[in-house]
Amino acid sequence: MKTPVVLDSVEPPRRTLAPLVWQLISFALFFSLWELAGRWPISFAFPPFSKTLMALLRMIADGSLAKAYLTTLQPLIIGIALSSVVGIGFGIAMGLSRSVEWFSLPIFIVLQAAPMAAIIPLITYMYGIGITSKVLAVVVLAAPVIVMNAYKGIRNTHPSLIQMCRAFLGTRRQEVVKIILPHASALIFAGLRLGLAMGFIGIVIAELLITPTGIGDLITYSSSVADYPEMFAAITSIIVFAALTIHALERLERKLFPPEIRGLENAG
């Protein structure tokens, strides 16, 4: 006698919306609320999204936006380059040497906590209103983040890896080059990404407080003549540009470093 076979019911796979679709819905909802708030209006200085978009397209067409970005990006790139070289160097030295750590760590902690609006006038008084002050503004904001990430990356190297290197009679140079630096590379790269984010904040603050140039000039001039759609267009453009740049670096970070190096062993 054959035993009847009972088949378990298999539920059909649930269809889920792709993350990109959810992101598009989120953006559509945000811009719709912006449009409604501008047409309400919640303030005479708050334009609708449609007028802001038209102002942005007009600034792109006449070349004023590109010209402003050429002026803004120059001190930003110089400042980030200096911050990367100095920051990574100091961070590695602090992580490897207790003496350097004792001397340098308090300085970078104070710089990381210092209010930028209070430092800008001091920088302007010492170096004037030229490009040097703007580069220093970027460095003051970006360098502490890069230093601290590099320092923590070196110090967080797993002790078992160092002990393994010493057990095989590895030299101090081999320990640093083949164990410590590769293990800290992901956190160092994350520090560069976060430093760039702080650099964007620094350059915008510098252009608004030191002397209006670049994007800061567009924002200041548009505000002074009550051209609020153009002012919001300039602000939106720098936010979008910074967000896309940081997102691109984050995707590159995920491709370069596996989850276990980035400290995501338990993710998923």
C-alpha atoms as a PDB file:
ATOM      1  CA  MET A   1       0.000   0.000   0.000  1.00  0.00           C
ATOM      2  CA  LYS A   2       1.451   3.311  -1.043  1.00  0.00           C
ATOM      3  CA  THR A   3       1.718   6.094   1.459  1.00  0.00           C
ATOM      4  CA  PRO A   4       0.254   9.302   0.160  1.00  0.00           C
ATOM      5  CA  VAL A   5       2.809  12.026  -0.286  1.00  0.00           C
ATOM      6  CA  VAL A   6       1.903  15.327   1.301  1.00  0.00           C
ATOM      7  CA  LEU A   7       3.404  18.276  -0.504  1.00  0.00           C
ATOM      8  CA  ASP A   8       4.214  21.287   1.592  1.00  0.00           C
ATOM      9  CA  SER A   9       2.703  24.438   0.260  1.00  0.00           C
ATOM     10  CA  VAL A  10       5.360  26.717  -1.114  1.00  0.00           C
ATOM     11  CA  GLU A  11       4.654  30.374  -0.780  1.00  0.00           C
ATOM     12  CA  PRO A  12       5.426  32.398  -3.882  1.00  0.00           C
ATOM     13  CA  PRO A  13       8.342  34.787  -3.444  1.00  0.00           C
ATOM     14  CA  ARG A  14       7.302  38.215  -2.355  1.00  0.00           C
ATOM     15  CA  ARG A  15       8.029  40.991  -4.725  1.00  0.00           C
ATOM     16  CA  THR A  16       9.847  43.884  -3.181  1.00  0.00           C
ATOM     17  CA  LEU A  17      10.579  47.218  -4.716  1.00  0.00           C
ATOM     18  CA  ALA A  18      14.196  47.817  -5.656  1.00  0.00           C
ATOM     19  CA  PRO A  19      16.092  50.280  -3.461  1.00  0.00           C
ATOM     20  CA  LEU A  20      16.410  52.608  -6.433  1.00  0.00           C
ATOM     21  CA  VAL A  21      12.618  52.788  -6.742  1.00  0.00           C
ATOM     22  CA  TRP A  22      12.284  53.688  -3.075  1.00  0.00           C
ATOM     23  CA  GLN A  23      14.941  56.370  -3.482  1.00  0.00           C
ATOM     24  CA  LEU A  24      13.104  57.840  -6.471  1.00  0.00           C
ATOM     25  CA  ILE A  25       9.845  57.842  -4.516  1.00  0.00           C
ATOM     26  CA  SER A  26      11.600  59.563  -1.619  1.00  0.00           C
ATOM     27  CA  PHE A  27      13.025  62.266  -3.897  1.00  0.00           C
ATOM     28  CA  ALA A  28       9.665  62.767  -5.604  1.00  0.00           C
ATOM     29  CA  LEU A  29       7.939  63.176  -2.244  1.00  0.00           C
ATOM     30  CA  PHE A  30      10.600  65.608  -1.018  1.00  0.00           C
ATOM     31  CA  PHE A  31      10.442  67.810  -4.120  1.00  0.00           C
ATOM     32  CA  SER A  32       6.624  67.735  -4.069  1.00  0.00           C
ATOM     33  CA  LEU A  33       6.573  68.936  -0.477  1.00  0.00           C
ATOM     34  CA  TRP A  34       9.142  71.594  -1.407  1.00  0.00           C
ATOM     35  CA  GLU A  35       6.904  72.771  -4.236  1.00  0.00           C
ATOM     36  CA  LEU A  36       3.844  72.912  -1.971  1.00  0.00           C
ATOM     37  CA  ALA A  37       5.740  74.732   0.776  1.00  0.00           C
ATOM     38  CA  GLY A  38       7.022  77.296  -1.728  1.00  0.00           C
ATOM     39  CA  ARG A  39       3.571  77.956  -3.164  1.00  0.00           C
ATOM     40  CA  TRP A  40       1.870  78.153   0.238  1.00  0.00           C
ATOM     41  CA  PRO A  41       4.168  80.092   0.952  1.00  0.00           C
ATOM     42  CA  ILE A  42       5.792  79.395   4.299  1.00  0.00           C
ATOM     43  CA  SER A  43       8.040  82.424   3.704  1.00  0.00           C
ATOM     44  CA  PHE A  44       8.461  85.004   0.964  1.00  0.00           C
ATOM     45  CA  ALA A  45      12.150  83.992   0.827  1.00  0.00           C
ATOM     46  CA  PHE A  46      11.343  80.301   0.228  1.00  0.00           C
ATOM     47  CA  PRO A  47      10.776  79.705  -3.511  1.00  0.00           C
ATOM     48  CA  PRO A  48       8.992  76.678  -5.013  1.00  0.00           C
ATOM     49  CA  PHE A  49      11.086  73.832  -6.338  1.00  0.00           C
ATOM     50  CA  SER A  50      10.060  74.594  -9.925  1.00  0.00           C
ATOM     51  CA  LYS A  51      11.431  78.138  -9.756  1.00  0.00           C
ATOM     52  CA  THR A  52      14.616  76.900  -8.077  1.00  0.00           C
ATOM     53  CA  LEU A  53      15.101  74.303 -10.808  1.00  0.00           C
ATOM     54  CA  MET A  54      14.596  76.906 -13.539  1.00  0.00           C
ATOM     55  CA  ALA A  55      17.121  79.200 -11.858  1.00  0.00           C
ATOM     56  CA  LEU A  56      19.608  76.313 -11.647  1.00  0.00           C
ATOM     57  CA  LEU A  57      19.192  75.508 -15.339  1.00  0.00           C
ATOM     58  CA  ARG A  58      19.595  79.191 -16.199  1.00  0.00           C
ATOM     59  CA  MET A  59      22.839  79.402 -14.184  1.00  0.00           C
ATOM     60  CA  ILE A  60      24.153  76.296 -15.930  1.00  0.00           C
ATOM     61  CA  ALA A  61      23.253  77.687 -19.340  1.00  0.00           C
ATOM     62  CA  ASP A  62      24.904  81.088 -18.851  1.00  0.00           C
ATOM     63  CA  GLY A  63      28.051  79.546 -17.353  1.00  0.00           C
ATOM     64  CA  SER A  64      27.888  81.369 -14.018  1.00  0.00           C
ATOM     65  CA  LEU A  65      27.594  78.120 -12.043  1.00  0.00           C
ATOM     66  CA  ALA A  66      30.585  76.500 -13.758  1.00  0.00           C
ATOM     67  CA  LYS A  67      32.659  79.640 -13.226  1.00  0.00           C
ATOM     68  CA  ALA A  68      31.742  79.695  -9.542  1.00  0.00           C
ATOM     69  CA  TYR A  69      32.719  76.046  -9.120  1.00  0.00           C
ATOM     70  CA  LEU A  70      36.101  76.618 -10.734  1.00  0.00           C
ATOM     71  CA  THR A  71      36.778  79.251  -8.098  1.00  0.00           C
ATOM     72  CA  THR A  72      35.432  77.138  -5.232  1.00  0.00           C
ATOM     73  CA  LEU A  73      37.166  73.879  -6.137  1.00  0.00           C
ATOM     74  CA  GLN A  74      40.672  75.351  -6.283  1.00  0.00           C
ATOM     75  CA  PRO A  75      41.144  75.971  -2.523  1.00  0.00           C
ATOM     76  CA  LEU A  76      39.083  72.862  -1.748  1.00  0.00           C
ATOM     77  CA  ILE A  77      41.358  70.558  -3.748  1.00  0.00           C
ATOM     78  CA  ILE A  78      44.523  72.162  -2.371  1.00  0.00           C
ATOM     79  CA  GLY A  79      43.205  71.968   1.179  1.00  0.00           C
ATOM     80  CA  ILE A  80      42.123  68.325   0.895  1.00  0.00           C
ATOM     81  CA  ALA A  81      45.470  67.363  -0.657  1.00  0.00           C
ATOM     82  CA  LEU A  82      47.391  69.022   2.181  1.00  0.00           C
ATOM     83  CA  SER A  83      45.042  67.546   4.781  1.00  0.00           C
ATOM     84  CA  SER A  84      45.460  64.060   3.316  1.00  0.00           C
ATOM     85  CA  VAL A  85      49.252  64.143   3.307  1.00  0.00           C
ATOM     86  CA  VAL A  86      49.624  65.765   6.720  1.00  0.00           C
ATOM     87  CA  GLY A  87      46.673  63.958   8.274  1.00  0.00           C
ATOM     88  CA  ILE A  88      47.644  60.449   7.214  1.00  0.00           C
ATOM     89  CA  GLY A  89      51.263  61.088   8.174  1.00  0.00           C
ATOM     90  CA  PHE A  90      50.397  62.376  11.635  1.00  0.00           C
ATOM     91  CA  GLY A  91      47.793  59.667  12.183  1.00  0.00           C
ATOM     92  CA  ILE A  92      50.224  56.876  11.337  1.00  0.00           C
ATOM     93  CA  ALA A  93      52.960  58.456  13.465  1.00  0.00           C
ATOM     94  CA  MET A  94      50.577  58.844  16.407  1.00  0.00           C
ATOM     95  CA  GLY A  95      49.475  55.240  16.080  1.00  0.00           C
ATOM     96  CA  LEU A  96      53.039  53.889  15.970  1.00  0.00           C
ATOM     97  CA  SER A  97      54.719  56.176  18.495  1.00  0.00           C
ATOM     98  CA  ARG A  98      53.533  56.951  22.022  1.00  0.00           C
ATOM     99  CA  SER A  99      55.680  60.095  22.094  1.00  0.00           C
ATOM    100  CA  VAL A 100      54.062  61.541  18.958  1.00  0.00           C
ATOM    101  CA  GLU A 101      50.649  60.559  20.297  1.00  0.00           C
ATOM    102  CA  TRP A 102      51.286  62.323  23.596  1.00  0.00           C
ATOM    103  CA  PHE A 103      52.377  65.495  21.805  1.00  0.00           C
ATOM    104  CA  SER A 104      49.863  65.610  18.915  1.00  0.00           C
ATOM    105  CA  LEU A 105      46.628  63.971  20.057  1.00  0.00           C
ATOM    106  CA  PRO A 106      45.399  66.827  22.307  1.00  0.00           C
ATOM    107  CA  ILE A 107      45.966  69.345  19.499  1.00  0.00           C
ATOM    108  CA  PHE A 108      43.798  67.475  16.997  1.00  0.00           C
ATOM    109  CA  ILE A 109      41.110  66.776  19.582  1.00  0.00           C
ATOM    110  CA  VAL A 110      40.876  70.515  20.306  1.00  0.00           C
ATOM    111  CA  LEU A 111      40.800  71.344  16.581  1.00  0.00           C
ATOM    112  CA  GLN A 112      38.046  68.792  16.014  1.00  0.00           C
ATOM    113  CA  ALA A 113      35.906  70.358  18.747  1.00  0.00           C
ATOM    114  CA  ALA A 114      36.700  74.015  17.994  1.00  0.00           C
ATOM    115  CA  PRO A 115      33.874  76.084  16.434  1.00  0.00           C
ATOM    116  CA  MET A 116      34.745  77.049  12.874  1.00  0.00           C
ATOM    117  CA  ALA A 117      33.037  80.458  13.081  1.00  0.00           C
ATOM    118  CA  ALA A 118      35.440  81.456  15.853  1.00  0.00           C
ATOM    119  CA  ILE A 119      38.561  80.312  13.979  1.00  0.00           C
ATOM    120  CA  ILE A 120      37.757  81.969  10.637  1.00  0.00           C
ATOM    121  CA  PRO A 121      38.280  85.570  11.892  1.00  0.00           C
ATOM    122  CA  LEU A 122      41.651  84.558  13.360  1.00  0.00           C
ATOM    123  CA  ILE A 123      42.747  82.981  10.072  1.00  0.00           C
ATOM    124  CA  THR A 124      41.567  86.052   8.160  1.00  0.00           C
ATOM    125  CA  TYR A 125      43.462  88.378  10.515  1.00  0.00           C
ATOM    126  CA  MET A 126      46.687  86.385  10.080  1.00  0.00           C
ATOM    127  CA  TYR A 127      46.574  85.573   6.339  1.00  0.00           C
ATOM    128  CA  GLY A 128      44.182  88.094   4.801  1.00  0.00           C
ATOM    129  CA  ILE A 129      41.265  87.361   2.493  1.00  0.00           C
ATOM    130  CA  GLY A 130      43.091  85.476  -0.253  1.00  0.00           C
ATOM    131  CA  ILE A 131      43.178  81.831  -1.221  1.00  0.00           C
ATOM    132  CA  THR A 132      45.552  80.974   1.649  1.00  0.00           C
ATOM    133  CA  SER A 133      42.874  81.666   4.248  1.00  0.00           C
ATOM    134  CA  LYS A 134      40.359  79.492   2.422  1.00  0.00           C
ATOM    135  CA  VAL A 135      42.832  76.631   2.095  1.00  0.00           C
ATOM    136  CA  LEU A 136      43.562  76.863   5.821  1.00  0.00           C
ATOM    137  CA  ALA A 137      39.839  76.851   6.572  1.00  0.00           C
ATOM    138  CA  VAL A 138      39.511  73.565   4.681  1.00  0.00           C
ATOM    139  CA  VAL A 139      42.584  72.104   6.405  1.00  0.00           C
ATOM    140  CA  VAL A 140      41.377  73.075   9.890  1.00  0.00           C
ATOM    141  CA  LEU A 141      38.113  71.203   9.346  1.00  0.00           C
ATOM    142  CA  ALA A 142      39.346  68.233   7.294  1.00  0.00           C
ATOM    143  CA  ALA A 143      42.731  67.404   8.847  1.00  0.00           C
ATOM    144  CA  PRO A 144      41.554  66.424  12.372  1.00  0.00           C
ATOM    145  CA  VAL A 145      39.071  63.902  10.952  1.00  0.00           C
ATOM    146  CA  ILE A 146      41.706  62.331   8.700  1.00  0.00           C
ATOM    147  CA  VAL A 147      44.267  62.247  11.514  1.00  0.00           C
ATOM    148  CA  MET A 148      41.917  60.610  14.012  1.00  0.00           C
ATOM    149  CA  ASN A 149      40.764  57.951  11.548  1.00  0.00           C
ATOM    150  CA  ALA A 150      44.319  57.053  10.565  1.00  0.00           C
ATOM    151  CA  TYR A 151      45.339  56.981  14.229  1.00  0.00           C
ATOM    152  CA  LYS A 152      42.436  54.702  15.198  1.00  0.00           C
ATOM    153  CA  GLY A 153      43.092  52.471  12.200  1.00  0.00           C
ATOM    154  CA  ILE A 154      46.679  51.902  13.295  1.00  0.00           C
ATOM    155  CA  ARG A 155      45.761  51.387  16.955  1.00  0.00           C
ATOM    156  CA  ASN A 156      42.889  49.001  16.166  1.00  0.00           C
ATOM    157  CA  THR A 157      45.090  46.488  14.376  1.00  0.00           C
ATOM    158  CA  HIS A 158      44.265  43.045  15.768  1.00  0.00           C
ATOM    159  CA  PRO A 159      46.933  42.036  18.306  1.00  0.00           C
ATOM    160  CA  SER A 160      46.948  38.432  17.076  1.00  0.00           C
ATOM    161  CA  LEU A 161      48.170  39.565  13.651  1.00  0.00           C
ATOM    162  CA  ILE A 162      51.071  41.451  15.213  1.00  0.00           C
ATOM    163  CA  GLN A 163      51.922  38.503  17.456  1.00  0.00           C
ATOM    164  CA  MET A 164      51.875  36.182  14.443  1.00  0.00           C
ATOM    165  CA  CYS A 165      54.321  38.442  12.602  1.00  0.00           C
ATOM    166  CA  ARG A 166      56.642  38.520  15.608  1.00  0.00           C
ATOM    167  CA  ALA A 167      56.366  34.741  16.025  1.00  0.00           C
ATOM    168  CA  PHE A 168      57.727  34.334  12.500  1.00  0.00           C
ATOM    169  CA  LEU A 169      60.588  36.719  13.387  1.00  0.00           C
ATOM    170  CA  GLY A 170      59.269  39.542  11.262  1.00  0.00           C
ATOM    171  CA  THR A 171      61.033  42.867  11.505  1.00  0.00           C
ATOM    172  CA  ARG A 172      59.383  46.058  12.714  1.00  0.00           C
ATOM    173  CA  ARG A 173      59.293  47.339   9.133  1.00  0.00           C
ATOM    174  CA  GLN A 174      57.571  44.156   7.921  1.00  0.00           C
ATOM    175  CA  GLU A 175      55.128  44.408  10.820  1.00  0.00           C
ATOM    176  CA  VAL A 176      54.168  47.945   9.830  1.00  0.00           C
ATOM    177  CA  VAL A 177      54.170  47.531   6.039  1.00  0.00           C
ATOM    178  CA  LYS A 178      52.583  44.086   5.738  1.00  0.00           C
ATOM    179  CA  ILE A 179      50.307  43.930   8.796  1.00  0.00           C
ATOM    180  CA  ILE A 180      49.451  47.285  10.345  1.00  0.00           C
ATOM    181  CA  LEU A 181      49.054  49.521   7.273  1.00  0.00           C
ATOM    182  CA  PRO A 182      46.965  47.055   5.203  1.00  0.00           C
ATOM    183  CA  HIS A 183      44.719  46.439   8.204  1.00  0.00           C
ATOM    184  CA  ALA A 184      44.276  50.195   8.769  1.00  0.00           C
ATOM    185  CA  SER A 185      43.829  51.115   5.096  1.00  0.00           C
ATOM    186  CA  ALA A 186      40.019  50.902   5.134  1.00  0.00           C
ATOM    187  CA  LEU A 187      39.697  53.228   8.123  1.00  0.00           C
ATOM    188  CA  ILE A 188      42.239  55.607   6.582  1.00  0.00           C
ATOM    189  CA  PHE A 189      40.208  55.719   3.357  1.00  0.00           C
ATOM    190  CA  ALA A 190      37.041  56.331   5.381  1.00  0.00           C
ATOM    191  CA  GLY A 191      38.849  59.220   7.042  1.00  0.00           C
ATOM    192  CA  LEU A 192      39.625  60.713   3.640  1.00  0.00           C
ATOM    193  CA  ARG A 193      35.947  60.461   2.699  1.00  0.00           C
ATOM    194  CA  LEU A 194      34.827  62.115   5.929  1.00  0.00           C
ATOM    195  CA  GLY A 195      37.591  64.702   5.595  1.00  0.00           C
ATOM    196  CA  LEU A 196      36.314  65.632   2.141  1.00  0.00           C
ATOM    197  CA  ALA A 197      32.820  66.073   3.588  1.00  0.00           C
ATOM    198  CA  MET A 198      34.232  68.429   6.207  1.00  0.00           C
ATOM    199  CA  GLY A 199      36.219  70.173   3.489  1.00  0.00           C
ATOM    200  CA  PHE A 200      33.020  71.044   1.630  1.00  0.00           C
ATOM    201  CA  ILE A 201      31.663  72.597   4.811  1.00  0.00           C
ATOM    202  CA  GLY A 202      34.904  74.489   5.348  1.00  0.00           C
ATOM    203  CA  ILE A 203      35.101  75.985   1.872  1.00  0.00           C
ATOM    204  CA  VAL A 204      31.479  77.162   1.890  1.00  0.00           C
ATOM    205  CA  ILE A 205      31.884  78.765   5.326  1.00  0.00           C
ATOM    206  CA  ALA A 206      35.140  80.368   4.206  1.00  0.00           C
ATOM    207  CA  GLU A 207      33.563  81.820   1.067  1.00  0.00           C
ATOM    208  CA  LEU A 208      30.684  83.209   3.076  1.00  0.00           C
ATOM    209  CA  LEU A 209      32.706  84.643   5.985  1.00  0.00           C
ATOM    210  CA  ILE A 210      36.104  85.576   4.518  1.00  0.00           C
ATOM    211  CA  THR A 211      35.280  87.057   1.126  1.00  0.00           C
ATOM    212  CA  PRO A 212      32.405  86.189  -1.210  1.00  0.00           C
ATOM    213  CA  THR A 213      33.835  84.167  -4.110  1.00  0.00           C
ATOM    214  CA  GLY A 214      32.680  81.140  -6.040  1.00  0.00           C
ATOM    215  CA  ILE A 215      29.533  79.497  -4.720  1.00  0.00           C
ATOM    216  CA  GLY A 216      29.642  81.759  -1.678  1.00  0.00           C
ATOM    217  CA  ASP A 217      29.506  84.787  -3.980  1.00  0.00           C
ATOM    218  CA  LEU A 218      26.450  83.409  -5.804  1.00  0.00           C
ATOM    219  CA  ILE A 219      24.672  82.803  -2.508  1.00  0.00           C
ATOM    220  CA  THR A 220      25.583  86.206  -1.049  1.00  0.00           C
ATOM    221  CA  TYR A 221      24.777  88.225  -4.184  1.00  0.00           C
ATOM    222  CA  SER A 222      21.476  86.441  -4.823  1.00  0.00           C
ATOM    223  CA  SER A 223      20.438  87.036  -1.235  1.00  0.00           C
ATOM    224  CA  SER A 224      21.375  90.717  -1.404  1.00  0.00           C
ATOM    225  CA  VAL A 225      19.198  91.325  -4.499  1.00  0.00           C
ATOM    226  CA  ALA A 226      16.371  89.093  -3.187  1.00  0.00           C
ATOM    227  CA  ASP A 227      16.778  86.584  -6.020  1.00  0.00           C
ATOM    228  CA  TYR A 228      15.836  83.669  -3.779  1.00  0.00           C
ATOM    229  CA  PRO A 229      15.351  81.033  -6.494  1.00  0.00           C
ATOM    230  CA  GLU A 230      18.949  81.597  -7.619  1.00  0.00           C
ATOM    231  CA  MET A 231      20.166  81.584  -4.019  1.00  0.00           C
ATOM    232  CA  PHE A 232      18.465  78.249  -3.324  1.00  0.00           C
ATOM    233  CA  ALA A 233      19.734  76.920  -6.649  1.00  0.00           C
ATOM    234  CA  ALA A 234      23.325  77.672  -5.646  1.00  0.00           C
ATOM    235  CA  ILE A 235      22.826  76.107  -2.215  1.00  0.00           C
ATOM    236  CA  THR A 236      21.164  73.031  -3.716  1.00  0.00           C
ATOM    237  CA  SER A 237      23.914  72.599  -6.298  1.00  0.00           C
ATOM    238  CA  ILE A 238      26.717  72.474  -3.714  1.00  0.00           C
ATOM    239  CA  ILE A 239      24.708  70.063  -1.538  1.00  0.00           C
ATOM    240  CA  VAL A 240      24.043  67.740  -4.481  1.00  0.00           C
ATOM    241  CA  PHE A 241      27.635  67.959  -5.713  1.00  0.00           C
ATOM    242  CA  ALA A 242      29.024  67.156  -2.265  1.00  0.00           C
ATOM    243  CA  ALA A 243      26.551  64.301  -1.727  1.00  0.00           C
ATOM    244  CA  LEU A 244      27.343  62.696  -5.091  1.00  0.00           C
ATOM    245  CA  THR A 245      31.086  62.994  -4.502  1.00  0.00           C
ATOM    246  CA  ILE A 246      30.877  61.435  -1.033  1.00  0.00           C
ATOM    247  CA  HIS A 247      28.577  58.681  -2.326  1.00  0.00           C
ATOM    248  CA  ALA A 248      31.023  57.860  -5.137  1.00  0.00           C
ATOM    249  CA  LEU A 249      33.868  57.568  -2.631  1.00  0.00           C
ATOM    250  CA  GLU A 250      31.728  55.348  -0.415  1.00  0.00           C
ATOM    251  CA  ARG A 251      31.004  52.990  -3.317  1.00  0.00           C
ATOM    252  CA  LEU A 252      34.705  52.940  -4.186  1.00  0.00           C
ATOM    253  CA  GLU A 253      35.492  52.122  -0.566  1.00  0.00           C
ATOM    254  CA  ARG A 254      33.128  49.142  -0.663  1.00  0.00           C
ATOM    255  CA  LYS A 255      34.779  47.826  -3.812  1.00  0.00           C
ATOM    256  CA  LEU A 256      38.346  48.281  -2.581  1.00  0.00           C
ATOM    257  CA  PHE A 257      37.978  46.860   0.919  1.00  0.00           C
ATOM    258  CA  PRO A 258      36.125  43.680   1.953  1.00  0.00           C
ATOM    259  CA  PRO A 259      33.655  43.823   4.870  1.00  0.00           C
ATOM    260  CA  GLU A 260      36.075  42.209   7.331  1.00  0.00           C
ATOM    261  CA  ILE A 261      38.625  44.964   6.672  1.00  0.00           C
ATOM    262  CA  ARG A 262      35.978  47.667   7.040  1.00  0.00           C
ATOM    263  CA  GLY A 263      34.888  46.203  10.376  1.00  0.00           C
ATOM    264  CA  LEU A 264      31.622  44.784   9.052  1.00  0.00           C
ATOM    265  CA  GLU A 265      32.158  41.123   9.828  1.00  0.00           C
ATOM    266  CA  ASN A 266      28.750  40.826  11.421  1.00  0.00           C
ATOM    267  CA  ALA A 267      26.883  42.773   8.752  1.00  0.00           C
ATOM    268  CA  GLY A 268      24.049  40.873   7.190  1.00  0.00           C
END
